[in-house]
Amino acid sequence: MNLQQIEYVLALHKLKHFGLAAESCHISQATLSGMIKKLEEELGLRLFDRSRKPVKTTEVGLQFVELGKEIIEKRDKLYHLSVINKRLEGQITIGVIPTIAHSLLPLVLPKIMRENPKLELNIVEVTTEEIQKQLTLDTIDFAIMATPVNNPQFEEHILYYEPMMVYGKLDPDKEYISTEEIKKNDVWLLEEGHCFRNQASTICEIQEKSKVKNKLNFKASTFETLISLADRFGGITLLPELYYKTLDSEKKARVKAFQKPVPVREVSIVSYRQYANSQAINYLTKVIKEKVEPLLSSTTMRNEDLEIIGI
């Protein structure tokens, strides 16, 4: 038995399809099937019922999966430990979606560049759709973006859960706001192409209401623009919590948090190949979590108090 075989079992359990599992592990279907069969023969156990469509994990297979997850998690911790004190060198290109870049990069870049003087770091701001294209073309090494992307080709390394907040002229007597109250307002959204627009629409269960009394239509590409529109023409807009932290005190006074369960976006480092550039990924994960988690209200909340909004 080896770690690769355990990874293949976990992939098949997750995806329930030999072809998809093989693709996610970047091997042929025959190789994955053969390695799992060899493992079953070595253990004298049947981990999967291949007669079922989709493939079904057996009861003993479920026990193996739970133990296998623990083994892989411990392996990853050992890898993480081995790179904590190593400096990054060479050239790395990272794609970051604009709604994350503005707030996150100023927090983490000074430490990253100070600790890694031989690192040439290239950062490009691109939309979620474009990031996925560039990952598959290897024009970027990995990305920082909202997840889950639900694509077996990509490996996601979760960084944090960022709460959504509401900006506008809201009832000053209320500390929190509900999604039902939001539906009563005109909502300013980012233009098409931003996953944050999709997330905001999901929360509000609305279509964009950008036509006000003077028939104004505006395709905004930044949170600054959305705030200005709400200030000038009324209505509300949604902001991520890290962006809220950058506002001045006057604008912060116009922001309210959501009632629980709080809608949050999942932010991750995404790579195209499993364990690609693991040293850089582990290092950046460590730095980002250290800088960001103390700033987020979600860090102290229970899981049941959070609602992850897909993209």
C-alpha atoms as a PDB file:
ATOM      1  CA  MET A   1       0.000   0.000   0.000  1.00  0.00           C
ATOM      2  CA  ASN A   2       1.199   3.520  -0.755  1.00  0.00           C
ATOM      3  CA  LEU A   3      -0.093   7.073  -0.424  1.00  0.00           C
ATOM      4  CA  GLN A   4      -0.931   7.282  -4.114  1.00  0.00           C
ATOM      5  CA  GLN A   5      -3.317   4.348  -3.816  1.00  0.00           C
ATOM      6  CA  ILE A   6      -5.027   6.019  -0.861  1.00  0.00           C
ATOM      7  CA  GLU A   7      -5.433   9.197  -2.934  1.00  0.00           C
ATOM      8  CA  TYR A   8      -6.977   7.183  -5.775  1.00  0.00           C
ATOM      9  CA  VAL A   9      -9.484   5.604  -3.380  1.00  0.00           C
ATOM     10  CA  LEU A  10     -10.428   9.025  -1.985  1.00  0.00           C
ATOM     11  CA  ALA A  11     -10.862  10.433  -5.491  1.00  0.00           C
ATOM     12  CA  LEU A  12     -13.118   7.543  -6.583  1.00  0.00           C
ATOM     13  CA  HIS A  13     -15.159   7.790  -3.381  1.00  0.00           C
ATOM     14  CA  LYS A  14     -15.637  11.519  -3.947  1.00  0.00           C
ATOM     15  CA  LEU A  15     -16.452  11.452  -7.674  1.00  0.00           C
ATOM     16  CA  LYS A  16     -18.077   7.976  -7.889  1.00  0.00           C
ATOM     17  CA  HIS A  17     -16.843   7.558 -11.459  1.00  0.00           C
ATOM     18  CA  PHE A  18     -13.607   5.906 -12.609  1.00  0.00           C
ATOM     19  CA  GLY A  19     -13.114   8.267 -15.543  1.00  0.00           C
ATOM     20  CA  LEU A  20     -13.605  11.442 -13.515  1.00  0.00           C
ATOM     21  CA  ALA A  21     -11.477  10.124 -10.636  1.00  0.00           C
ATOM     22  CA  ALA A  22      -8.655   9.247 -13.024  1.00  0.00           C
ATOM     23  CA  GLU A  23      -8.852  12.667 -14.661  1.00  0.00           C
ATOM     24  CA  SER A  24      -8.685  14.415 -11.281  1.00  0.00           C
ATOM     25  CA  CYS A  25      -5.549  12.397 -10.429  1.00  0.00           C
ATOM     26  CA  HIS A  26      -4.049  13.035 -13.892  1.00  0.00           C
ATOM     27  CA  ILE A  27      -3.646   9.356 -14.719  1.00  0.00           C
ATOM     28  CA  SER A  28      -5.399   6.964 -17.087  1.00  0.00           C
ATOM     29  CA  GLN A  29      -8.593   5.215 -16.041  1.00  0.00           C
ATOM     30  CA  ALA A  30      -6.890   1.845 -16.483  1.00  0.00           C
ATOM     31  CA  THR A  31      -4.063   2.861 -14.134  1.00  0.00           C
ATOM     32  CA  LEU A  32      -6.446   4.094 -11.436  1.00  0.00           C
ATOM     33  CA  SER A  33      -8.638   1.011 -11.677  1.00  0.00           C
ATOM     34  CA  GLY A  34      -5.639  -1.304 -11.619  1.00  0.00           C
ATOM     35  CA  MET A  35      -4.017   0.402  -8.613  1.00  0.00           C
ATOM     36  CA  ILE A  36      -7.249   0.263  -6.593  1.00  0.00           C
ATOM     37  CA  LYS A  37      -7.800  -3.385  -7.520  1.00  0.00           C
ATOM     38  CA  LYS A  38      -4.233  -4.193  -6.470  1.00  0.00           C
ATOM     39  CA  LEU A  39      -4.851  -2.472  -3.129  1.00  0.00           C
ATOM     40  CA  GLU A  40      -8.084  -4.410  -2.586  1.00  0.00           C
ATOM     41  CA  GLU A  41      -6.259  -7.676  -3.291  1.00  0.00           C
ATOM     42  CA  GLU A  42      -3.454  -6.749  -0.894  1.00  0.00           C
ATOM     43  CA  LEU A  43      -5.948  -5.932   1.878  1.00  0.00           C
ATOM     44  CA  GLY A  44      -8.368  -8.735   1.085  1.00  0.00           C
ATOM     45  CA  LEU A  45     -11.200  -6.184   1.081  1.00  0.00           C
ATOM     46  CA  ARG A  46     -13.674  -4.924  -1.502  1.00  0.00           C
ATOM     47  CA  LEU A  47     -13.693  -1.146  -1.196  1.00  0.00           C
ATOM     48  CA  PHE A  48     -16.109  -0.411  -4.062  1.00  0.00           C
ATOM     49  CA  ASP A  49     -19.171  -2.026  -5.590  1.00  0.00           C
ATOM     50  CA  ARG A  50     -18.382  -1.705  -9.305  1.00  0.00           C
ATOM     51  CA  SER A  51     -21.736  -3.143 -10.356  1.00  0.00           C
ATOM     52  CA  ARG A  52     -23.498   0.024  -9.198  1.00  0.00           C
ATOM     53  CA  LYS A  53     -23.848   3.149 -11.329  1.00  0.00           C
ATOM     54  CA  PRO A  54     -22.533   5.443 -10.002  1.00  0.00           C
ATOM     55  CA  VAL A  55     -19.825   3.433  -8.253  1.00  0.00           C
ATOM     56  CA  LYS A  56     -20.749   2.813  -4.623  1.00  0.00           C
ATOM     57  CA  THR A  57     -18.287   2.692  -1.727  1.00  0.00           C
ATOM     58  CA  THR A  58     -18.821  -0.418   0.409  1.00  0.00           C
ATOM     59  CA  GLU A  59     -19.227  -0.274   4.188  1.00  0.00           C
ATOM     60  CA  VAL A  60     -15.637  -1.377   4.772  1.00  0.00           C
ATOM     61  CA  GLY A  61     -14.643   1.038   2.018  1.00  0.00           C
ATOM     62  CA  LEU A  62     -16.201   3.893   3.988  1.00  0.00           C
ATOM     63  CA  GLN A  63     -14.069   2.917   6.991  1.00  0.00           C
ATOM     64  CA  PHE A  64     -11.001   2.899   4.746  1.00  0.00           C
ATOM     65  CA  VAL A  65     -11.916   6.336   3.384  1.00  0.00           C
ATOM     66  CA  GLU A  66     -12.123   7.853   6.866  1.00  0.00           C
ATOM     67  CA  LEU A  67      -8.743   6.420   7.862  1.00  0.00           C
ATOM     68  CA  GLY A  68      -7.303   7.388   4.481  1.00  0.00           C
ATOM     69  CA  LYS A  69      -8.370  11.005   4.958  1.00  0.00           C
ATOM     70  CA  GLU A  70      -6.577  11.097   8.293  1.00  0.00           C
ATOM     71  CA  ILE A  71      -3.406   9.703   6.709  1.00  0.00           C
ATOM     72  CA  ILE A  72      -3.434  12.224   3.841  1.00  0.00           C
ATOM     73  CA  GLU A  73      -4.141  15.095   6.236  1.00  0.00           C
ATOM     74  CA  LYS A  74      -1.163  14.068   8.370  1.00  0.00           C
ATOM     75  CA  ARG A  75       0.991  13.743   5.240  1.00  0.00           C
ATOM     76  CA  ASP A  76      -0.005  17.271   4.220  1.00  0.00           C
ATOM     77  CA  LYS A  77       0.845  18.575   7.690  1.00  0.00           C
ATOM     78  CA  LEU A  78       4.288  17.006   7.419  1.00  0.00           C
ATOM     79  CA  TYR A  79       4.784  18.655   4.023  1.00  0.00           C
ATOM     80  CA  HIS A  80       3.580  21.925   5.504  1.00  0.00           C
ATOM     81  CA  LEU A  81       6.031  21.603   8.385  1.00  0.00           C
ATOM     82  CA  SER A  82       8.893  20.957   5.992  1.00  0.00           C
ATOM     83  CA  VAL A  83       8.340  24.180   4.023  1.00  0.00           C
ATOM     84  CA  ILE A  84       7.476  26.621   6.793  1.00  0.00           C
ATOM     85  CA  ASN A  85      11.069  27.809   7.137  1.00  0.00           C
ATOM     86  CA  LYS A  86      12.071  27.495   3.478  1.00  0.00           C
ATOM     87  CA  ARG A  87      12.159  30.580   1.292  1.00  0.00           C
ATOM     88  CA  LEU A  88      10.503  30.684  -2.093  1.00  0.00           C
ATOM     89  CA  GLU A  89      12.709  31.324  -5.096  1.00  0.00           C
ATOM     90  CA  GLY A  90      12.257  31.706  -8.822  1.00  0.00           C
ATOM     91  CA  GLN A  91       9.199  32.967 -10.658  1.00  0.00           C
ATOM     92  CA  ILE A  92       5.582  32.390  -9.640  1.00  0.00           C
ATOM     93  CA  THR A  93       2.520  33.751 -11.418  1.00  0.00           C
ATOM     94  CA  ILE A  94      -0.759  34.023  -9.498  1.00  0.00           C
ATOM     95  CA  GLY A  95      -4.175  34.943 -10.855  1.00  0.00           C
ATOM     96  CA  VAL A  96      -6.448  36.783  -8.415  1.00  0.00           C
ATOM     97  CA  ILE A  97     -10.050  37.819  -8.986  1.00  0.00           C
ATOM     98  CA  PRO A  98     -10.496  41.615  -8.628  1.00  0.00           C
ATOM     99  CA  THR A  99     -12.992  41.452  -5.747  1.00  0.00           C
ATOM    100  CA  ILE A 100     -10.368  39.661  -3.649  1.00  0.00           C
ATOM    101  CA  ALA A 101      -7.198  41.382  -4.864  1.00  0.00           C
ATOM    102  CA  HIS A 102      -8.109  44.873  -3.622  1.00  0.00           C
ATOM    103  CA  SER A 103      -8.421  43.859   0.034  1.00  0.00           C
ATOM    104  CA  LEU A 104      -6.201  40.796   0.361  1.00  0.00           C
ATOM    105  CA  LEU A 105      -2.992  41.693  -1.461  1.00  0.00           C
ATOM    106  CA  PRO A 106      -2.048  44.767   0.620  1.00  0.00           C
ATOM    107  CA  LEU A 107      -2.374  42.605   3.736  1.00  0.00           C
ATOM    108  CA  VAL A 108      -0.058  39.804   2.658  1.00  0.00           C
ATOM    109  CA  LEU A 109       2.341  41.052  -0.028  1.00  0.00           C
ATOM    110  CA  PRO A 110       4.719  43.005   2.264  1.00  0.00           C
ATOM    111  CA  LYS A 111       5.414  39.901   4.393  1.00  0.00           C
ATOM    112  CA  ILE A 112       5.707  37.596   1.370  1.00  0.00           C
ATOM    113  CA  MET A 113       8.209  39.817  -0.439  1.00  0.00           C
ATOM    114  CA  ARG A 114      10.198  40.583   2.708  1.00  0.00           C
ATOM    115  CA  GLU A 115      10.600  36.907   3.618  1.00  0.00           C
ATOM    116  CA  ASN A 116      11.405  35.757   0.064  1.00  0.00           C
ATOM    117  CA  PRO A 117      13.933  38.179  -1.461  1.00  0.00           C
ATOM    118  CA  LYS A 118      14.767  35.823  -4.353  1.00  0.00           C
ATOM    119  CA  LEU A 119      11.125  35.395  -5.378  1.00  0.00           C
ATOM    120  CA  GLU A 120       9.827  37.037  -8.555  1.00  0.00           C
ATOM    121  CA  LEU A 121       6.080  37.241  -7.992  1.00  0.00           C
ATOM    122  CA  ASN A 122       3.792  38.064 -10.901  1.00  0.00           C
ATOM    123  CA  ILE A 123       0.153  38.826 -10.077  1.00  0.00           C
ATOM    124  CA  VAL A 124      -2.630  39.281 -12.617  1.00  0.00           C
ATOM    125  CA  GLU A 125      -6.200  40.367 -11.894  1.00  0.00           C
ATOM    126  CA  VAL A 126      -8.627  38.305 -13.958  1.00  0.00           C
ATOM    127  CA  THR A 127     -12.194  37.065 -13.721  1.00  0.00           C
ATOM    128  CA  THR A 128     -13.128  33.583 -12.524  1.00  0.00           C
ATOM    129  CA  GLU A 129     -13.823  32.319 -16.047  1.00  0.00           C
ATOM    130  CA  GLU A 130     -10.503  33.613 -17.351  1.00  0.00           C
ATOM    131  CA  ILE A 131      -8.605  32.188 -14.366  1.00  0.00           C
ATOM    132  CA  GLN A 132      -9.878  28.687 -15.148  1.00  0.00           C
ATOM    133  CA  LYS A 133      -8.714  29.033 -18.754  1.00  0.00           C
ATOM    134  CA  GLN A 134      -5.271  30.279 -17.725  1.00  0.00           C
ATOM    135  CA  LEU A 135      -4.861  27.492 -15.160  1.00  0.00           C
ATOM    136  CA  THR A 136      -5.482  24.822 -17.794  1.00  0.00           C
ATOM    137  CA  LEU A 137      -3.109  26.578 -20.217  1.00  0.00           C
ATOM    138  CA  ASP A 138      -0.407  26.833 -17.512  1.00  0.00           C
ATOM    139  CA  THR A 139      -0.066  30.585 -18.046  1.00  0.00           C
ATOM    140  CA  ILE A 140      -0.577  30.995 -14.293  1.00  0.00           C
ATOM    141  CA  ASP A 141       0.719  28.649 -11.592  1.00  0.00           C
ATOM    142  CA  PHE A 142      -2.327  28.910  -9.361  1.00  0.00           C
ATOM    143  CA  ALA A 143      -5.112  31.288  -8.396  1.00  0.00           C
ATOM    144  CA  ILE A 144      -6.762  32.938  -5.427  1.00  0.00           C
ATOM    145  CA  MET A 145     -10.492  32.975  -6.073  1.00  0.00           C
ATOM    146  CA  ALA A 146     -13.969  32.232  -4.770  1.00  0.00           C
ATOM    147  CA  THR A 147     -14.819  28.542  -4.663  1.00  0.00           C
ATOM    148  CA  PRO A 148     -16.057  25.854  -5.043  1.00  0.00           C
ATOM    149  CA  VAL A 149     -15.516  25.733  -8.809  1.00  0.00           C
ATOM    150  CA  ASN A 150     -16.874  22.164  -9.048  1.00  0.00           C
ATOM    151  CA  ASN A 151     -14.256  21.093 -11.579  1.00  0.00           C
ATOM    152  CA  PRO A 152     -12.392  17.824 -10.900  1.00  0.00           C
ATOM    153  CA  GLN A 153      -9.351  19.147 -12.798  1.00  0.00           C
ATOM    154  CA  PHE A 154      -8.685  21.684 -10.053  1.00  0.00           C
ATOM    155  CA  GLU A 155      -7.382  21.205  -6.528  1.00  0.00           C
ATOM    156  CA  GLU A 156      -8.844  23.684  -4.000  1.00  0.00           C
ATOM    157  CA  HIS A 157      -7.024  24.718  -0.820  1.00  0.00           C
ATOM    158  CA  ILE A 158      -9.497  26.646   1.348  1.00  0.00           C
ATOM    159  CA  LEU A 159      -8.106  29.816   2.920  1.00  0.00           C
ATOM    160  CA  TYR A 160     -11.050  31.457   4.676  1.00  0.00           C
ATOM    161  CA  TYR A 161     -14.781  32.167   4.695  1.00  0.00           C
ATOM    162  CA  GLU A 162     -15.550  35.839   4.152  1.00  0.00           C
ATOM    163  CA  PRO A 163     -18.919  37.235   5.319  1.00  0.00           C
ATOM    164  CA  MET A 164     -21.024  39.425   3.039  1.00  0.00           C
ATOM    165  CA  MET A 165     -22.206  42.786   4.357  1.00  0.00           C
ATOM    166  CA  VAL A 166     -24.770  45.359   3.203  1.00  0.00           C
ATOM    167  CA  TYR A 167     -24.047  49.015   2.373  1.00  0.00           C
ATOM    168  CA  GLY A 168     -26.702  51.720   2.038  1.00  0.00           C
ATOM    169  CA  LYS A 169     -29.130  53.965   3.884  1.00  0.00           C
ATOM    170  CA  LEU A 170     -30.514  51.348   6.245  1.00  0.00           C
ATOM    171  CA  ASP A 171     -32.596  51.457   9.416  1.00  0.00           C
ATOM    172  CA  PRO A 172     -30.191  52.872  12.054  1.00  0.00           C
ATOM    173  CA  ASP A 173     -32.054  51.112  14.868  1.00  0.00           C
ATOM    174  CA  LYS A 174     -31.323  47.645  13.516  1.00  0.00           C
ATOM    175  CA  GLU A 175     -27.964  46.005  14.195  1.00  0.00           C
ATOM    176  CA  TYR A 176     -28.420  43.235  11.618  1.00  0.00           C
ATOM    177  CA  ILE A 177     -30.263  42.896   8.316  1.00  0.00           C
ATOM    178  CA  SER A 178     -32.107  39.934   6.824  1.00  0.00           C
ATOM    179  CA  THR A 179     -32.232  38.813   3.206  1.00  0.00           C
ATOM    180  CA  GLU A 180     -35.975  39.533   3.229  1.00  0.00           C
ATOM    181  CA  GLU A 181     -35.287  43.208   3.977  1.00  0.00           C
ATOM    182  CA  ILE A 182     -32.773  43.358   1.116  1.00  0.00           C
ATOM    183  CA  LYS A 183     -35.400  42.243  -1.393  1.00  0.00           C
ATOM    184  CA  LYS A 184     -37.365  45.407  -0.653  1.00  0.00           C
ATOM    185  CA  ASN A 185     -34.512  47.600  -1.905  1.00  0.00           C
ATOM    186  CA  ASP A 186     -32.943  48.435  -5.246  1.00  0.00           C
ATOM    187  CA  VAL A 187     -29.666  46.511  -5.364  1.00  0.00           C
ATOM    188  CA  TRP A 188     -26.587  47.694  -7.242  1.00  0.00           C
ATOM    189  CA  LEU A 189     -24.480  44.810  -8.570  1.00  0.00           C
ATOM    190  CA  LEU A 190     -21.152  44.418 -10.330  1.00  0.00           C
ATOM    191  CA  GLU A 191     -21.192  43.889 -14.080  1.00  0.00           C
ATOM    192  CA  GLU A 192     -21.422  40.450 -15.684  1.00  0.00           C
ATOM    193  CA  GLY A 193     -18.251  38.375 -15.396  1.00  0.00           C
ATOM    194  CA  HIS A 194     -17.693  38.905 -11.671  1.00  0.00           C
ATOM    195  CA  CYS A 195     -18.559  35.859  -9.556  1.00  0.00           C
ATOM    196  CA  PHE A 196     -19.381  38.236  -6.698  1.00  0.00           C
ATOM    197  CA  ARG A 197     -22.327  39.457  -8.801  1.00  0.00           C
ATOM    198  CA  ASN A 198     -23.657  35.889  -8.978  1.00  0.00           C
ATOM    199  CA  GLN A 199     -23.202  35.437  -5.248  1.00  0.00           C
ATOM    200  CA  ALA A 200     -24.997  38.703  -4.463  1.00  0.00           C
ATOM    201  CA  SER A 201     -27.876  37.744  -6.759  1.00  0.00           C
ATOM    202  CA  THR A 202     -28.122  34.359  -5.041  1.00  0.00           C
ATOM    203  CA  ILE A 203     -28.346  35.964  -1.603  1.00  0.00           C
ATOM    204  CA  CYS A 204     -30.971  38.479  -2.632  1.00  0.00           C
ATOM    205  CA  GLU A 205     -32.853  36.182  -5.026  1.00  0.00           C
ATOM    206  CA  ILE A 206     -33.194  39.188  -7.306  1.00  0.00           C
ATOM    207  CA  GLN A 207     -32.162  40.459 -10.679  1.00  0.00           C
ATOM    208  CA  GLU A 208     -30.216  43.686 -10.824  1.00  0.00           C
ATOM    209  CA  LYS A 209     -32.328  46.820 -10.296  1.00  0.00           C
ATOM    210  CA  SER A 210     -30.008  49.410 -11.818  1.00  0.00           C
ATOM    211  CA  LYS A 211     -32.751  51.519 -13.421  1.00  0.00           C
ATOM    212  CA  VAL A 212     -33.675  54.345 -11.116  1.00  0.00           C
ATOM    213  CA  LYS A 213     -36.037  57.227 -11.694  1.00  0.00           C
ATOM    214  CA  ASN A 214     -33.919  58.828 -14.414  1.00  0.00           C
ATOM    215  CA  LYS A 215     -33.541  55.493 -16.308  1.00  0.00           C
ATOM    216  CA  LEU A 216     -29.858  55.246 -15.443  1.00  0.00           C
ATOM    217  CA  ASN A 217     -28.094  52.025 -16.433  1.00  0.00           C
ATOM    218  CA  PHE A 218     -24.584  51.537 -15.112  1.00  0.00           C
ATOM    219  CA  LYS A 219     -22.223  48.579 -15.436  1.00  0.00           C
ATOM    220  CA  ALA A 220     -19.976  48.855 -12.382  1.00  0.00           C
ATOM    221  CA  SER A 221     -16.677  46.997 -12.121  1.00  0.00           C
ATOM    222  CA  THR A 222     -15.552  48.077  -8.627  1.00  0.00           C
ATOM    223  CA  PHE A 223     -16.965  48.291  -5.128  1.00  0.00           C
ATOM    224  CA  GLU A 224     -16.020  51.983  -5.051  1.00  0.00           C
ATOM    225  CA  THR A 225     -18.418  52.633  -7.921  1.00  0.00           C
ATOM    226  CA  LEU A 226     -21.216  50.626  -6.290  1.00  0.00           C
ATOM    227  CA  ILE A 227     -20.848  52.640  -3.078  1.00  0.00           C
ATOM    228  CA  SER A 228     -20.944  55.938  -4.986  1.00  0.00           C
ATOM    229  CA  LEU A 229     -24.078  54.876  -6.853  1.00  0.00           C
ATOM    230  CA  ALA A 230     -25.817  53.874  -3.630  1.00  0.00           C
ATOM    231  CA  ASP A 231     -24.831  57.182  -2.001  1.00  0.00           C
ATOM    232  CA  ARG A 232     -26.039  59.276  -4.927  1.00  0.00           C
ATOM    233  CA  PHE A 233     -29.143  57.433  -6.106  1.00  0.00           C
ATOM    234  CA  GLY A 234     -30.186  55.358  -3.093  1.00  0.00           C
ATOM    235  CA  GLY A 235     -30.540  51.611  -2.926  1.00  0.00           C
ATOM    236  CA  ILE A 236     -28.026  49.184  -1.458  1.00  0.00           C
ATOM    237  CA  THR A 237     -25.062  47.065  -2.477  1.00  0.00           C
ATOM    238  CA  LEU A 238     -23.212  44.084  -1.022  1.00  0.00           C
ATOM    239  CA  LEU A 239     -19.598  44.168   0.114  1.00  0.00           C
ATOM    240  CA  PRO A 240     -17.185  41.484   1.383  1.00  0.00           C
ATOM    241  CA  GLU A 241     -15.999  41.976   4.971  1.00  0.00           C
ATOM    242  CA  LEU A 242     -12.327  42.569   4.128  1.00  0.00           C
ATOM    243  CA  TYR A 243     -13.336  45.394   1.808  1.00  0.00           C
ATOM    244  CA  TYR A 244     -15.519  46.836   4.571  1.00  0.00           C
ATOM    245  CA  LYS A 245     -12.395  46.971   6.767  1.00  0.00           C
ATOM    246  CA  THR A 246     -10.805  49.420   4.287  1.00  0.00           C
ATOM    247  CA  LEU A 247     -13.653  51.982   4.453  1.00  0.00           C
ATOM    248  CA  ASP A 248     -13.463  55.230   6.404  1.00  0.00           C
ATOM    249  CA  SER A 249     -15.589  55.621   9.544  1.00  0.00           C
ATOM    250  CA  GLU A 250     -18.327  57.558   7.754  1.00  0.00           C
ATOM    251  CA  LYS A 251     -18.918  54.810   5.203  1.00  0.00           C
ATOM    252  CA  LYS A 252     -18.543  52.034   7.790  1.00  0.00           C
ATOM    253  CA  ALA A 253     -21.514  53.584   9.612  1.00  0.00           C
ATOM    254  CA  ARG A 254     -23.689  52.747   6.564  1.00  0.00           C
ATOM    255  CA  VAL A 255     -22.805  49.048   6.643  1.00  0.00           C
ATOM    256  CA  LYS A 256     -24.718  46.314   8.437  1.00  0.00           C
ATOM    257  CA  ALA A 257     -23.988  42.635   8.961  1.00  0.00           C
ATOM    258  CA  PHE A 258     -26.406  39.872   8.021  1.00  0.00           C
ATOM    259  CA  GLN A 259     -28.484  37.939  10.486  1.00  0.00           C
ATOM    260  CA  LYS A 260     -27.363  34.350  11.064  1.00  0.00           C
ATOM    261  CA  PRO A 261     -26.856  32.181   9.159  1.00  0.00           C
ATOM    262  CA  VAL A 262     -24.455  34.690   7.634  1.00  0.00           C
ATOM    263  CA  PRO A 263     -23.825  34.344   3.875  1.00  0.00           C
ATOM    264  CA  VAL A 264     -20.109  33.866   3.246  1.00  0.00           C
ATOM    265  CA  ARG A 265     -17.926  33.319   0.226  1.00  0.00           C
ATOM    266  CA  GLU A 266     -15.340  30.568   0.314  1.00  0.00           C
ATOM    267  CA  VAL A 267     -11.908  31.805  -0.787  1.00  0.00           C
ATOM    268  CA  SER A 268      -9.242  29.297  -1.835  1.00  0.00           C
ATOM    269  CA  ILE A 269      -5.948  28.809  -3.586  1.00  0.00           C
ATOM    270  CA  VAL A 270      -6.739  26.783  -6.708  1.00  0.00           C
ATOM    271  CA  SER A 271      -4.196  24.775  -8.695  1.00  0.00           C
ATOM    272  CA  TYR A 272      -4.624  22.839 -11.922  1.00  0.00           C
ATOM    273  CA  ARG A 273      -2.496  19.856 -10.985  1.00  0.00           C
ATOM    274  CA  GLN A 274      -2.831  18.073  -7.667  1.00  0.00           C
ATOM    275  CA  TYR A 275      -0.097  19.225  -5.289  1.00  0.00           C
ATOM    276  CA  ALA A 276       1.355  21.514  -7.943  1.00  0.00           C
ATOM    277  CA  ASN A 277       3.952  23.829  -6.423  1.00  0.00           C
ATOM    278  CA  SER A 278       3.076  22.535  -2.969  1.00  0.00           C
ATOM    279  CA  GLN A 279       5.818  24.521  -1.242  1.00  0.00           C
ATOM    280  CA  ALA A 280       4.429  27.837  -2.519  1.00  0.00           C
ATOM    281  CA  ILE A 281       0.830  26.833  -1.829  1.00  0.00           C
ATOM    282  CA  ASN A 282       1.574  25.761   1.744  1.00  0.00           C
ATOM    283  CA  TYR A 283       3.594  28.891   2.451  1.00  0.00           C
ATOM    284  CA  LEU A 284       0.983  31.276   1.014  1.00  0.00           C
ATOM    285  CA  THR A 285      -1.820  29.447   2.821  1.00  0.00           C
ATOM    286  CA  LYS A 286       0.011  29.923   6.110  1.00  0.00           C
ATOM    287  CA  VAL A 287       0.687  33.652   5.530  1.00  0.00           C
ATOM    288  CA  ILE A 288      -2.823  34.441   4.302  1.00  0.00           C
ATOM    289  CA  LYS A 289      -4.524  32.654   7.185  1.00  0.00           C
ATOM    290  CA  GLU A 290      -2.297  34.402   9.722  1.00  0.00           C
ATOM    291  CA  LYS A 291      -3.127  37.834   8.311  1.00  0.00           C
ATOM    292  CA  VAL A 292      -6.800  37.370   7.420  1.00  0.00           C
ATOM    293  CA  GLU A 293      -8.410  35.166  10.061  1.00  0.00           C
ATOM    294  CA  PRO A 294      -8.077  37.748  12.893  1.00  0.00           C
ATOM    295  CA  LEU A 295      -9.971  40.261  10.725  1.00  0.00           C
ATOM    296  CA  LEU A 296     -12.979  38.089   9.888  1.00  0.00           C
ATOM    297  CA  SER A 297     -16.032  37.715  12.117  1.00  0.00           C
ATOM    298  CA  SER A 298     -16.603  34.239  10.639  1.00  0.00           C
ATOM    299  CA  THR A 299     -13.487  32.961  12.439  1.00  0.00           C
ATOM    300  CA  THR A 300     -15.347  32.945  15.769  1.00  0.00           C
ATOM    301  CA  MET A 301     -18.671  31.665  14.405  1.00  0.00           C
ATOM    302  CA  ARG A 302     -19.962  28.105  14.459  1.00  0.00           C
ATOM    303  CA  ASN A 303     -20.283  26.236  11.162  1.00  0.00           C
ATOM    304  CA  GLU A 304     -24.072  26.250  11.437  1.00  0.00           C
ATOM    305  CA  ASP A 305     -24.014  30.053  11.621  1.00  0.00           C
ATOM    306  CA  LEU A 306     -22.441  30.289   8.155  1.00  0.00           C
ATOM    307  CA  GLU A 307     -24.016  29.733   4.739  1.00  0.00           C
ATOM    308  CA  ILE A 308     -21.549  29.251   1.898  1.00  0.00           C
ATOM    309  CA  ILE A 309     -22.719  30.942  -1.296  1.00  0.00           C
ATOM    310  CA  GLY A 310     -21.656  29.219  -4.505  1.00  0.00           C
ATOM    311  CA  ILE A 311     -20.326  30.974  -7.571  1.00  0.00           C
END
